[in-house]
Amino acid sequence: MMHQKSGTIMAVKRILSNVDEREQKELIELAVVMRSTNCVNIIQFFGAIFKDGDCWICMELMDSSLDKFYKFVYGVMKSEIPEEILGKIAVATLNALSYLKSSLNIIHRGMQDY
């Protein structure tokens, strides 16, 4: 989606109004995380719009995702991701998770079961 006034292209995540209690907690945590601009490994939050009871979260649009990159390398190119690249991905991910825990006291939802 493009912001008309600034020309900024952004990703928009729509959260339906019929969210359960667990999803509401995740939404609150997401709002806390998104307000943080001190970690280069966390995407930038532009704002949220509430329309017809739904929440539309506007955030930085990434060039790609790790999931798409993985599928491209292994599926399309029939290759492997070099260890040096995997190391950089791991370090960036751990830096973001560490920042969330140490600065915001949040454990990412994907890590809570471990």
N, C-alpha and C. Protein backbone atom coordinates (compact mmCIF):
# COMPACT_ATOMS: atom_id res chain seq x y z
N MET A 1 0.85 -1.17 0.00
CA MET A 1 0.00 0.00 0.00
C MET A 1 0.90 1.24 0.00
N MET A 2 0.47 2.27 -0.70
CA MET A 2 1.25 3.50 -0.73
C MET A 2 0.55 4.59 0.06
N HIS A 3 1.32 5.23 0.94
CA HIS A 3 0.82 6.39 1.67
C HIS A 3 0.78 7.55 0.69
N GLN A 4 -0.39 8.11 0.46
CA GLN A 4 -0.59 9.10 -0.59
C GLN A 4 0.25 10.37 -0.39
N LYS A 5 0.31 10.88 0.84
CA LYS A 5 1.01 12.15 1.07
C LYS A 5 2.52 12.04 0.96
N SER A 6 3.08 10.93 1.47
CA SER A 6 4.55 10.81 1.49
C SER A 6 5.10 9.97 0.35
N GLY A 7 4.24 9.15 -0.28
CA GLY A 7 4.70 8.26 -1.32
C GLY A 7 5.39 7.01 -0.78
N THR A 8 5.36 6.83 0.54
CA THR A 8 6.00 5.67 1.18
C THR A 8 5.19 4.41 0.91
N ILE A 9 5.88 3.39 0.42
CA ILE A 9 5.23 2.10 0.23
C ILE A 9 5.42 1.31 1.51
N MET A 10 4.34 0.74 2.01
CA MET A 10 4.40 0.02 3.30
C MET A 10 3.60 -1.27 3.26
N ALA A 11 3.92 -2.13 4.20
CA ALA A 11 3.15 -3.35 4.40
C ALA A 11 2.01 -3.04 5.35
N VAL A 12 0.87 -3.66 5.14
CA VAL A 12 -0.28 -3.45 6.01
C VAL A 12 -0.80 -4.81 6.46
N LYS A 13 -0.90 -4.98 7.77
CA LYS A 13 -1.43 -6.21 8.34
C LYS A 13 -2.80 -5.90 8.93
N ARG A 14 -3.81 -6.62 8.46
CA ARG A 14 -5.18 -6.39 8.94
C ARG A 14 -5.50 -7.43 10.01
N ILE A 15 -5.92 -6.95 11.15
CA ILE A 15 -6.32 -7.83 12.25
C ILE A 15 -7.82 -7.67 12.42
N LEU A 16 -8.54 -8.74 12.19
CA LEU A 16 -10.00 -8.70 12.23
C LEU A 16 -10.51 -8.45 13.64
N SER A 17 -11.68 -7.86 13.73
CA SER A 17 -12.24 -7.47 15.03
C SER A 17 -12.65 -8.66 15.88
N ASN A 18 -12.74 -9.84 15.30
CA ASN A 18 -13.17 -10.99 16.07
C ASN A 18 -11.98 -11.78 16.65
N VAL A 19 -10.97 -11.06 17.14
CA VAL A 19 -9.80 -11.72 17.70
C VAL A 19 -10.10 -12.24 19.10
N ASP A 20 -9.47 -13.37 19.44
CA ASP A 20 -9.66 -13.92 20.77
C ASP A 20 -8.69 -13.27 21.75
N GLU A 21 -8.74 -13.71 23.00
CA GLU A 21 -7.94 -13.09 24.06
C GLU A 21 -6.43 -13.22 23.79
N ARG A 22 -6.01 -14.36 23.28
CA ARG A 22 -4.59 -14.59 22.98
C ARG A 22 -4.12 -13.63 21.89
N GLU A 23 -4.94 -13.46 20.86
CA GLU A 23 -4.60 -12.55 19.77
C GLU A 23 -4.58 -11.10 20.24
N GLN A 24 -5.46 -10.76 21.19
CA GLN A 24 -5.47 -9.41 21.73
C GLN A 24 -4.16 -9.13 22.46
N LYS A 25 -3.67 -10.12 23.21
CA LYS A 25 -2.39 -9.98 23.92
C LYS A 25 -1.26 -9.79 22.92
N GLU A 26 -1.27 -10.56 21.84
CA GLU A 26 -0.25 -10.43 20.80
C GLU A 26 -0.30 -9.05 20.16
N LEU A 27 -1.50 -8.52 19.97
CA LEU A 27 -1.66 -7.20 19.37
C LEU A 27 -1.08 -6.12 20.28
N ILE A 28 -1.30 -6.25 21.57
CA ILE A 28 -0.75 -5.29 22.53
C ILE A 28 0.78 -5.37 22.52
N GLU A 29 1.32 -6.60 22.53
CA GLU A 29 2.77 -6.77 22.48
C GLU A 29 3.34 -6.21 21.18
N LEU A 30 2.63 -6.42 20.09
CA LEU A 30 3.07 -5.91 18.80
C LEU A 30 3.14 -4.39 18.82
N ALA A 31 2.17 -3.76 19.44
CA ALA A 31 2.16 -2.30 19.54
C ALA A 31 3.36 -1.81 20.33
N VAL A 32 3.71 -2.51 21.41
CA VAL A 32 4.88 -2.14 22.22
C VAL A 32 6.15 -2.29 21.39
N VAL A 33 6.28 -3.43 20.70
CA VAL A 33 7.47 -3.69 19.88
C VAL A 33 7.60 -2.66 18.78
N MET A 34 6.51 -2.35 18.12
CA MET A 34 6.54 -1.46 16.99
C MET A 34 6.92 -0.03 17.38
N ARG A 35 6.68 0.34 18.62
CA ARG A 35 7.06 1.68 19.05
C ARG A 35 8.57 1.81 19.23
N SER A 36 9.25 0.68 19.25
CA SER A 36 10.68 0.67 19.48
C SER A 36 11.43 0.96 18.18
N THR A 37 12.27 1.97 18.21
CA THR A 37 13.06 2.30 17.03
C THR A 37 14.55 2.15 17.32
N ASN A 38 14.89 1.55 18.45
CA ASN A 38 16.29 1.45 18.86
C ASN A 38 16.98 0.18 18.39
N CYS A 39 16.31 -0.67 17.67
CA CYS A 39 16.91 -1.91 17.21
C CYS A 39 16.80 -1.99 15.69
N VAL A 40 17.95 -2.03 15.02
CA VAL A 40 17.93 -2.05 13.55
C VAL A 40 17.39 -3.36 12.99
N ASN A 41 17.24 -4.38 13.83
CA ASN A 41 16.76 -5.68 13.38
C ASN A 41 15.25 -5.84 13.53
N ILE A 42 14.57 -4.77 13.91
CA ILE A 42 13.11 -4.79 14.03
C ILE A 42 12.54 -3.79 13.04
N ILE A 43 11.52 -4.22 12.29
CA ILE A 43 10.95 -3.36 11.27
C ILE A 43 10.35 -2.08 11.86
N GLN A 44 10.29 -1.05 11.04
CA GLN A 44 9.76 0.24 11.47
C GLN A 44 8.24 0.24 11.46
N PHE A 45 7.66 0.79 12.50
CA PHE A 45 6.21 0.92 12.64
C PHE A 45 5.79 2.32 12.23
N PHE A 46 4.82 2.43 11.31
CA PHE A 46 4.36 3.74 10.85
C PHE A 46 3.09 4.19 11.57
N GLY A 47 2.26 3.25 11.98
CA GLY A 47 1.03 3.62 12.67
C GLY A 47 -0.04 2.55 12.52
N ALA A 48 -1.16 2.78 13.15
CA ALA A 48 -2.28 1.84 13.08
C ALA A 48 -3.56 2.61 12.79
N ILE A 49 -4.42 1.99 12.03
CA ILE A 49 -5.70 2.58 11.68
C ILE A 49 -6.79 1.63 12.16
N PHE A 50 -7.80 2.16 12.81
CA PHE A 50 -8.93 1.35 13.25
C PHE A 50 -10.11 1.71 12.37
N LYS A 51 -10.61 0.69 11.63
CA LYS A 51 -11.70 0.92 10.69
C LYS A 51 -12.68 -0.24 10.77
N ASP A 52 -13.94 0.07 10.96
CA ASP A 52 -14.99 -0.94 11.04
C ASP A 52 -14.67 -2.01 12.08
N GLY A 53 -14.02 -1.62 13.17
CA GLY A 53 -13.69 -2.55 14.25
C GLY A 53 -12.41 -3.33 14.03
N ASP A 54 -11.85 -3.29 12.83
CA ASP A 54 -10.60 -3.99 12.55
C ASP A 54 -9.42 -3.05 12.77
N CYS A 55 -8.26 -3.64 13.02
CA CYS A 55 -7.04 -2.87 13.20
C CYS A 55 -6.14 -3.12 12.00
N TRP A 56 -5.70 -2.06 11.36
CA TRP A 56 -4.80 -2.14 10.21
C TRP A 56 -3.46 -1.58 10.66
N ILE A 57 -2.43 -2.41 10.71
CA ILE A 57 -1.11 -2.00 11.17
C ILE A 57 -0.23 -1.71 9.96
N CYS A 58 0.32 -0.51 9.93
CA CYS A 58 1.16 -0.07 8.81
C CYS A 58 2.62 -0.12 9.25
N MET A 59 3.45 -0.84 8.47
CA MET A 59 4.84 -1.01 8.85
C MET A 59 5.74 -1.06 7.63
N GLU A 60 7.03 -1.00 7.90
CA GLU A 60 8.04 -1.05 6.85
C GLU A 60 7.84 -2.29 5.98
N LEU A 61 7.96 -2.10 4.67
CA LEU A 61 7.86 -3.21 3.74
C LEU A 61 9.25 -3.76 3.49
N MET A 62 9.43 -5.02 3.76
CA MET A 62 10.73 -5.66 3.56
C MET A 62 10.87 -6.08 2.10
N ASP A 63 12.11 -6.16 1.63
CA ASP A 63 12.37 -6.58 0.25
C ASP A 63 11.91 -8.02 0.02
N SER A 64 12.04 -8.84 1.03
CA SER A 64 11.66 -10.25 0.94
C SER A 64 11.48 -10.79 2.35
N SER A 65 11.26 -12.09 2.45
CA SER A 65 11.17 -12.73 3.75
C SER A 65 12.12 -13.92 3.76
N LEU A 66 12.46 -14.37 4.93
CA LEU A 66 13.34 -15.53 5.03
C LEU A 66 12.68 -16.75 4.40
N ASP A 67 11.38 -16.87 4.56
CA ASP A 67 10.64 -17.99 3.99
C ASP A 67 10.75 -17.99 2.45
N LYS A 68 10.54 -16.84 1.84
CA LYS A 68 10.63 -16.74 0.37
C LYS A 68 12.06 -16.97 -0.11
N PHE A 69 13.03 -16.43 0.64
CA PHE A 69 14.44 -16.61 0.29
C PHE A 69 14.81 -18.09 0.34
N TYR A 70 14.39 -18.77 1.40
CA TYR A 70 14.67 -20.20 1.56
C TYR A 70 14.07 -21.00 0.40
N LYS A 71 12.80 -20.75 0.09
CA LYS A 71 12.14 -21.47 -0.99
C LYS A 71 12.80 -21.21 -2.34
N PHE A 72 13.27 -19.98 -2.54
CA PHE A 72 13.95 -19.65 -3.79
C PHE A 72 15.28 -20.40 -3.90
N VAL A 73 16.08 -20.34 -2.86
CA VAL A 73 17.41 -20.96 -2.90
C VAL A 73 17.30 -22.48 -3.04
N TYR A 74 16.49 -23.11 -2.20
CA TYR A 74 16.41 -24.57 -2.21
C TYR A 74 15.50 -25.11 -3.30
N GLY A 75 14.40 -24.39 -3.58
CA GLY A 75 13.44 -24.88 -4.56
C GLY A 75 13.74 -24.51 -5.99
N VAL A 76 14.00 -23.24 -6.24
CA VAL A 76 14.22 -22.75 -7.59
C VAL A 76 15.67 -22.96 -8.03
N MET A 77 16.60 -22.53 -7.20
CA MET A 77 18.01 -22.62 -7.58
C MET A 77 18.62 -24.00 -7.32
N LYS A 78 17.90 -24.82 -6.52
CA LYS A 78 18.41 -26.15 -6.15
C LYS A 78 19.81 -26.02 -5.55
N SER A 79 19.96 -25.09 -4.63
CA SER A 79 21.25 -24.79 -4.03
C SER A 79 21.11 -24.76 -2.51
N GLU A 80 22.13 -24.26 -1.84
CA GLU A 80 22.11 -24.12 -0.39
C GLU A 80 22.47 -22.69 -0.01
N ILE A 81 22.02 -22.29 1.17
CA ILE A 81 22.38 -20.97 1.68
C ILE A 81 23.75 -21.10 2.33
N PRO A 82 24.72 -20.27 1.91
CA PRO A 82 26.06 -20.37 2.48
C PRO A 82 26.06 -20.15 4.00
N GLU A 83 26.95 -20.84 4.67
CA GLU A 83 27.04 -20.76 6.13
C GLU A 83 27.24 -19.32 6.61
N GLU A 84 28.01 -18.54 5.87
CA GLU A 84 28.25 -17.14 6.24
C GLU A 84 26.94 -16.35 6.26
N ILE A 85 26.08 -16.60 5.30
CA ILE A 85 24.77 -15.91 5.25
C ILE A 85 23.87 -16.40 6.38
N LEU A 86 23.84 -17.72 6.60
CA LEU A 86 23.04 -18.27 7.71
C LEU A 86 23.49 -17.68 9.04
N GLY A 87 24.78 -17.50 9.20
CA GLY A 87 25.31 -16.90 10.43
C GLY A 87 24.82 -15.48 10.62
N LYS A 88 24.81 -14.70 9.54
CA LYS A 88 24.34 -13.31 9.63
C LYS A 88 22.86 -13.25 9.95
N ILE A 89 22.09 -14.16 9.37
CA ILE A 89 20.65 -14.22 9.67
C ILE A 89 20.43 -14.58 11.13
N ALA A 90 21.19 -15.57 11.61
CA ALA A 90 21.06 -16.00 13.01
C ALA A 90 21.42 -14.87 13.97
N VAL A 91 22.51 -14.18 13.71
CA VAL A 91 22.94 -13.08 14.58
C VAL A 91 21.90 -11.97 14.61
N ALA A 92 21.37 -11.58 13.45
CA ALA A 92 20.36 -10.52 13.39
C ALA A 92 19.09 -10.92 14.15
N THR A 93 18.68 -12.17 13.98
CA THR A 93 17.48 -12.67 14.67
C THR A 93 17.70 -12.67 16.18
N LEU A 94 18.84 -13.17 16.62
CA LEU A 94 19.14 -13.23 18.06
C LEU A 94 19.29 -11.83 18.65
N ASN A 95 19.86 -10.89 17.89
CA ASN A 95 19.95 -9.51 18.37
C ASN A 95 18.56 -8.92 18.60
N ALA A 96 17.65 -9.16 17.67
CA ALA A 96 16.28 -8.65 17.82
C ALA A 96 15.59 -9.30 19.02
N LEU A 97 15.71 -10.62 19.16
CA LEU A 97 15.08 -11.31 20.29
C LEU A 97 15.68 -10.85 21.63
N SER A 98 16.99 -10.66 21.65
CA SER A 98 17.65 -10.18 22.86
C SER A 98 17.18 -8.79 23.22
N TYR A 99 17.05 -7.93 22.22
CA TYR A 99 16.57 -6.57 22.45
C TYR A 99 15.14 -6.60 23.03
N LEU A 100 14.28 -7.41 22.44
CA LEU A 100 12.90 -7.50 22.93
C LEU A 100 12.86 -7.89 24.40
N LYS A 101 13.68 -8.88 24.76
CA LYS A 101 13.67 -9.38 26.15
C LYS A 101 14.32 -8.38 27.10
N SER A 102 15.50 -7.88 26.74
CA SER A 102 16.23 -7.02 27.68
C SER A 102 15.65 -5.61 27.79
N SER A 103 15.17 -5.06 26.70
CA SER A 103 14.69 -3.68 26.71
C SER A 103 13.19 -3.54 26.94
N LEU A 104 12.42 -4.51 26.43
CA LEU A 104 10.95 -4.39 26.51
C LEU A 104 10.31 -5.49 27.36
N ASN A 105 11.12 -6.42 27.84
CA ASN A 105 10.65 -7.55 28.65
C ASN A 105 9.57 -8.35 27.92
N ILE A 106 9.80 -8.57 26.62
CA ILE A 106 8.86 -9.34 25.80
C ILE A 106 9.58 -10.55 25.25
N ILE A 107 8.93 -11.68 25.37
CA ILE A 107 9.44 -12.90 24.75
C ILE A 107 8.59 -13.12 23.49
N HIS A 108 9.22 -13.17 22.33
CA HIS A 108 8.50 -13.30 21.06
C HIS A 108 7.61 -14.54 21.12
N ARG A 109 6.42 -14.44 20.56
CA ARG A 109 5.43 -15.53 20.63
C ARG A 109 5.96 -16.83 20.05
N GLY A 110 6.85 -16.77 19.07
CA GLY A 110 7.43 -17.98 18.49
C GLY A 110 8.42 -18.67 19.41
N MET A 111 8.86 -17.98 20.45
CA MET A 111 9.85 -18.54 21.37
C MET A 111 9.23 -19.01 22.69
N GLN A 112 8.02 -18.65 22.96
CA GLN A 112 7.43 -18.91 24.28
C GLN A 112 7.24 -20.39 24.58
N ASP A 113 7.12 -21.21 23.57
CA ASP A 113 6.88 -22.63 23.80
C ASP A 113 8.16 -23.42 24.04
N TYR A 114 9.32 -22.76 23.89
CA TYR A 114 10.59 -23.47 23.99
C TYR A 114 11.24 -23.28 25.34
